[in-house]
């Protein structure tokens, strides 16, 4: 009875070690690092630069609108507690 339990314990440890090794290895289907290839088309690069500039400006405007709106709400409620808004 004790020898069989020892074999089961050893088998469980071996299976656990194999599963742990399998889980630690990298998945070959997952890409690592930046995968963008640089395009040789200057017009496409120019368009993507303009789009990036446009989205940055839109982000800045939306954040400014949110800050302005939060300030107006704070003024309407008359709360001086800035910690409640962070």
N, C-alpha and C. Protein backbone atom coordinates (compact mmCIF):
# COMPACT_ATOMS: atom_id res chain seq x y z
N UNK A 1 0.82 -1.19 0.00
CA UNK A 1 0.00 0.00 0.00
C UNK A 1 0.87 1.26 0.00
N UNK A 2 1.94 1.28 0.81
CA UNK A 2 2.79 2.46 0.90
C UNK A 2 3.63 2.61 -0.36
N UNK A 3 4.07 1.52 -0.95
CA UNK A 3 4.87 1.59 -2.16
C UNK A 3 4.04 2.14 -3.33
N UNK A 4 2.79 1.74 -3.40
CA UNK A 4 1.91 2.23 -4.44
C UNK A 4 1.66 3.74 -4.26
N UNK A 5 1.51 4.19 -3.03
CA UNK A 5 1.34 5.62 -2.77
C UNK A 5 2.59 6.40 -3.16
N UNK A 6 3.76 5.80 -2.91
CA UNK A 6 5.01 6.45 -3.31
C UNK A 6 5.09 6.59 -4.82
N UNK A 7 4.71 5.55 -5.56
CA UNK A 7 4.72 5.61 -7.02
C UNK A 7 3.73 6.66 -7.54
N UNK A 8 2.56 6.73 -6.92
CA UNK A 8 1.57 7.74 -7.32
C UNK A 8 2.09 9.16 -7.05
N UNK A 9 2.76 9.33 -5.92
CA UNK A 9 3.31 10.63 -5.58
C UNK A 9 4.41 11.03 -6.57
N UNK A 10 5.28 10.10 -6.89
CA UNK A 10 6.36 10.37 -7.84
C UNK A 10 5.78 10.67 -9.23
N UNK A 11 4.77 9.91 -9.64
CA UNK A 11 4.14 10.15 -10.93
C UNK A 11 3.47 11.54 -10.95
N UNK A 12 2.84 11.93 -9.87
CA UNK A 12 2.21 13.24 -9.79
C UNK A 12 3.23 14.36 -9.88
N UNK A 13 4.36 14.18 -9.20
CA UNK A 13 5.42 15.19 -9.25
C UNK A 13 5.99 15.29 -10.67
N UNK A 14 6.20 14.16 -11.32
CA UNK A 14 6.74 14.17 -12.68
C UNK A 14 5.77 14.84 -13.66
N UNK A 15 4.51 14.54 -13.53
CA UNK A 15 3.50 15.17 -14.40
C UNK A 15 3.46 16.68 -14.12
N UNK A 16 3.52 17.07 -12.87
CA UNK A 16 3.53 18.48 -12.51
C UNK A 16 4.73 19.22 -13.09
N UNK A 17 5.89 18.59 -13.05
CA UNK A 17 7.09 19.22 -13.61
C UNK A 17 6.99 19.36 -15.12
N UNK A 18 6.44 18.35 -15.80
CA UNK A 18 6.29 18.43 -17.25
C UNK A 18 5.29 19.52 -17.64
N UNK A 19 4.19 19.59 -16.91
CA UNK A 19 3.19 20.62 -17.20
C UNK A 19 3.77 22.01 -16.94
N UNK A 20 4.54 22.17 -15.85
CA UNK A 20 5.14 23.46 -15.53
C UNK A 20 6.14 23.87 -16.62
N UNK A 21 6.91 22.92 -17.12
CA UNK A 21 7.87 23.23 -18.19
C UNK A 21 7.13 23.63 -19.46
N UNK A 22 6.03 22.95 -19.75
CA UNK A 22 5.24 23.27 -20.94
C UNK A 22 4.63 24.66 -20.82
N UNK A 23 4.17 25.04 -19.64
CA UNK A 23 3.56 26.35 -19.45
C UNK A 23 4.59 27.49 -19.48
N UNK A 24 5.84 27.19 -19.14
CA UNK A 24 6.88 28.21 -19.13
C UNK A 24 7.40 28.55 -20.52
N UNK A 25 7.30 27.65 -21.48
CA UNK A 25 7.87 27.91 -22.79
C UNK A 25 7.01 28.90 -23.58
N UNK A 26 7.66 29.61 -24.49
CA UNK A 26 6.98 30.62 -25.28
C UNK A 26 6.03 29.97 -26.28
N UNK A 27 4.93 30.67 -26.52
CA UNK A 27 3.96 30.22 -27.51
C UNK A 27 4.45 30.67 -28.89
N UNK A 28 4.67 29.76 -29.82
CA UNK A 28 5.18 30.17 -31.13
C UNK A 28 4.16 30.96 -31.95
N UNK A 29 2.90 30.90 -31.60
CA UNK A 29 1.87 31.61 -32.35
C UNK A 29 1.73 33.07 -31.92
N UNK A 30 2.39 33.44 -30.83
CA UNK A 30 2.31 34.81 -30.33
C UNK A 30 3.52 35.58 -30.84
N UNK A 31 3.26 36.74 -31.44
CA UNK A 31 4.34 37.57 -31.95
C UNK A 31 4.88 38.43 -30.82
N UNK A 32 6.17 38.61 -30.81
CA UNK A 32 6.81 39.40 -29.75
C UNK A 32 7.46 40.63 -30.36
N UNK A 33 7.38 41.73 -29.64
CA UNK A 33 8.04 42.95 -30.07
C UNK A 33 7.31 43.67 -31.18
N UNK A 34 7.86 44.79 -31.60
CA UNK A 34 7.22 45.55 -32.68
C UNK A 34 7.29 44.78 -33.99
N UNK A 35 6.17 44.65 -34.65
CA UNK A 35 6.11 43.86 -35.87
C UNK A 35 5.84 44.70 -37.11
N UNK A 36 5.80 46.01 -36.95
CA UNK A 36 5.52 46.87 -38.10
C UNK A 36 6.74 46.90 -39.02
N UNK A 37 6.47 46.82 -40.26
CA UNK A 37 7.54 46.97 -41.24
C UNK A 37 7.47 48.38 -41.79
N UNK A 38 8.59 48.97 -42.00
CA UNK A 38 8.62 50.34 -42.51
C UNK A 38 8.26 50.32 -43.99
N UNK A 39 7.35 51.18 -44.35
CA UNK A 39 6.91 51.23 -45.73
C UNK A 39 7.84 52.12 -46.55
N UNK A 40 8.00 51.80 -47.79
CA UNK A 40 8.85 52.59 -48.66
C UNK A 40 8.05 53.63 -49.43
N UNK A 41 6.76 53.72 -49.17
CA UNK A 41 5.91 54.68 -49.86
C UNK A 41 5.84 55.97 -49.05
N UNK A 42 6.46 57.03 -49.55
CA UNK A 42 6.46 58.28 -48.77
C UNK A 42 5.07 58.88 -48.62
N UNK A 43 4.20 58.67 -49.59
CA UNK A 43 2.85 59.23 -49.47
C UNK A 43 2.09 58.58 -48.33
N UNK A 44 2.27 57.28 -48.17
CA UNK A 44 1.60 56.58 -47.07
C UNK A 44 2.15 57.05 -45.73
N UNK A 45 3.46 57.26 -45.65
CA UNK A 45 4.06 57.77 -44.43
C UNK A 45 3.56 59.17 -44.12
N UNK A 46 3.40 60.00 -45.14
CA UNK A 46 2.92 61.37 -44.96
C UNK A 46 1.48 61.36 -44.44
N UNK A 47 0.65 60.48 -45.00
CA UNK A 47 -0.74 60.37 -44.56
C UNK A 47 -0.81 59.88 -43.12
N UNK A 48 -0.01 58.87 -42.79
CA UNK A 48 -0.05 58.35 -41.43
C UNK A 48 0.47 59.38 -40.43
N UNK A 49 1.43 60.21 -40.83
CA UNK A 49 1.92 61.27 -39.95
C UNK A 49 0.83 62.31 -39.73
N UNK A 50 0.12 62.67 -40.80
CA UNK A 50 -0.96 63.65 -40.66
C UNK A 50 -2.09 63.10 -39.80
N UNK A 51 -2.41 61.83 -39.97
CA UNK A 51 -3.47 61.22 -39.16
C UNK A 51 -3.05 61.20 -37.70
N UNK A 52 -1.80 60.88 -37.43
CA UNK A 52 -1.31 60.87 -36.05
C UNK A 52 -1.40 62.27 -35.44
N UNK A 53 -1.03 63.28 -36.20
CA UNK A 53 -1.10 64.66 -35.72
C UNK A 53 -2.55 65.06 -35.45
N UNK A 54 -3.46 64.64 -36.33
CA UNK A 54 -4.88 64.94 -36.18
C UNK A 54 -5.45 64.27 -34.93
N UNK A 55 -5.11 63.02 -34.71
CA UNK A 55 -5.63 62.31 -33.54
C UNK A 55 -5.04 62.87 -32.25
N UNK A 56 -3.78 63.30 -32.29
CA UNK A 56 -3.20 63.93 -31.10
C UNK A 56 -3.92 65.24 -30.76
N UNK A 57 -4.23 66.02 -31.78
CA UNK A 57 -4.95 67.28 -31.54
C UNK A 57 -6.36 67.00 -31.00
N UNK A 58 -7.02 65.99 -31.54
CA UNK A 58 -8.37 65.64 -31.07
C UNK A 58 -8.32 65.16 -29.63
N UNK A 59 -7.30 64.41 -29.28
CA UNK A 59 -7.15 63.95 -27.90
C UNK A 59 -6.95 65.12 -26.96
N UNK A 60 -6.10 66.06 -27.36
CA UNK A 60 -5.87 67.24 -26.51
C UNK A 60 -7.14 68.04 -26.32
N UNK A 61 -7.91 68.22 -27.40
CA UNK A 61 -9.15 68.99 -27.30
C UNK A 61 -10.17 68.28 -26.41
N UNK A 62 -10.27 66.96 -26.53
CA UNK A 62 -11.24 66.25 -25.71
C UNK A 62 -10.85 66.27 -24.23
N UNK A 63 -9.55 66.16 -23.95
CA UNK A 63 -9.12 66.23 -22.55
C UNK A 63 -9.36 67.62 -21.97
N UNK A 64 -9.12 68.65 -22.78
CA UNK A 64 -9.39 70.00 -22.32
C UNK A 64 -10.89 70.21 -22.07
N UNK A 65 -11.73 69.66 -22.92
CA UNK A 65 -13.18 69.77 -22.73
C UNK A 65 -13.61 69.06 -21.45
N UNK A 66 -13.01 67.91 -21.18
CA UNK A 66 -13.35 67.18 -19.96
C UNK A 66 -12.93 67.98 -18.74
N UNK A 67 -11.72 68.55 -18.77
CA UNK A 67 -11.26 69.36 -17.64
C UNK A 67 -12.16 70.58 -17.43
N UNK A 68 -12.55 71.22 -18.52
CA UNK A 68 -13.41 72.40 -18.42
C UNK A 68 -14.77 72.01 -17.84
N UNK A 69 -15.32 70.89 -18.29
CA UNK A 69 -16.62 70.43 -17.81
C UNK A 69 -16.56 70.06 -16.33
N UNK A 70 -15.48 69.40 -15.92
CA UNK A 70 -15.34 69.05 -14.51
C UNK A 70 -15.25 70.30 -13.64
N UNK A 71 -14.56 71.31 -14.15
CA UNK A 71 -14.47 72.58 -13.41
C UNK A 71 -15.83 73.24 -13.28
N UNK A 72 -16.62 73.21 -14.36
CA UNK A 72 -17.96 73.79 -14.29
C UNK A 72 -18.85 73.03 -13.32
N UNK A 73 -18.76 71.73 -13.32
CA UNK A 73 -19.56 70.92 -12.38
C UNK A 73 -19.14 71.23 -10.95
N UNK A 74 -17.84 71.33 -10.73
CA UNK A 74 -17.34 71.63 -9.39
C UNK A 74 -17.84 73.00 -8.94
N UNK A 75 -17.84 73.97 -9.86
CA UNK A 75 -18.34 75.31 -9.51
C UNK A 75 -19.83 75.29 -9.20
N UNK A 76 -20.60 74.54 -9.96
CA UNK A 76 -22.05 74.47 -9.72
C UNK A 76 -22.37 73.81 -8.40
N UNK A 77 -21.63 72.77 -8.06
CA UNK A 77 -21.89 72.08 -6.81
C UNK A 77 -21.33 72.82 -5.63
N UNK A 78 -20.37 73.71 -5.87
CA UNK A 78 -19.81 74.51 -4.80
C UNK A 78 -18.90 73.71 -3.87
N UNK A 79 -18.35 72.63 -4.36
CA UNK A 79 -17.47 71.82 -3.54
C UNK A 79 -16.06 72.30 -3.69
N UNK A 80 -15.39 72.43 -2.56
CA UNK A 80 -13.99 72.81 -2.57
C UNK A 80 -13.08 71.60 -2.38
N UNK A 81 -13.67 70.43 -2.23
CA UNK A 81 -12.90 69.22 -1.98
C UNK A 81 -12.40 68.66 -3.30
N UNK A 82 -11.15 68.96 -3.65
CA UNK A 82 -10.58 68.49 -4.91
C UNK A 82 -10.27 66.99 -4.86
N UNK A 83 -10.11 66.45 -3.66
CA UNK A 83 -9.78 65.03 -3.54
C UNK A 83 -10.93 64.15 -4.01
N UNK A 84 -12.14 64.63 -3.94
CA UNK A 84 -13.29 63.84 -4.38
C UNK A 84 -13.33 63.71 -5.88
N UNK A 85 -12.64 64.57 -6.61
CA UNK A 85 -12.67 64.57 -8.07
C UNK A 85 -11.45 63.87 -8.68
N UNK A 86 -10.57 63.35 -7.88
CA UNK A 86 -9.38 62.67 -8.39
C UNK A 86 -9.52 61.18 -8.33
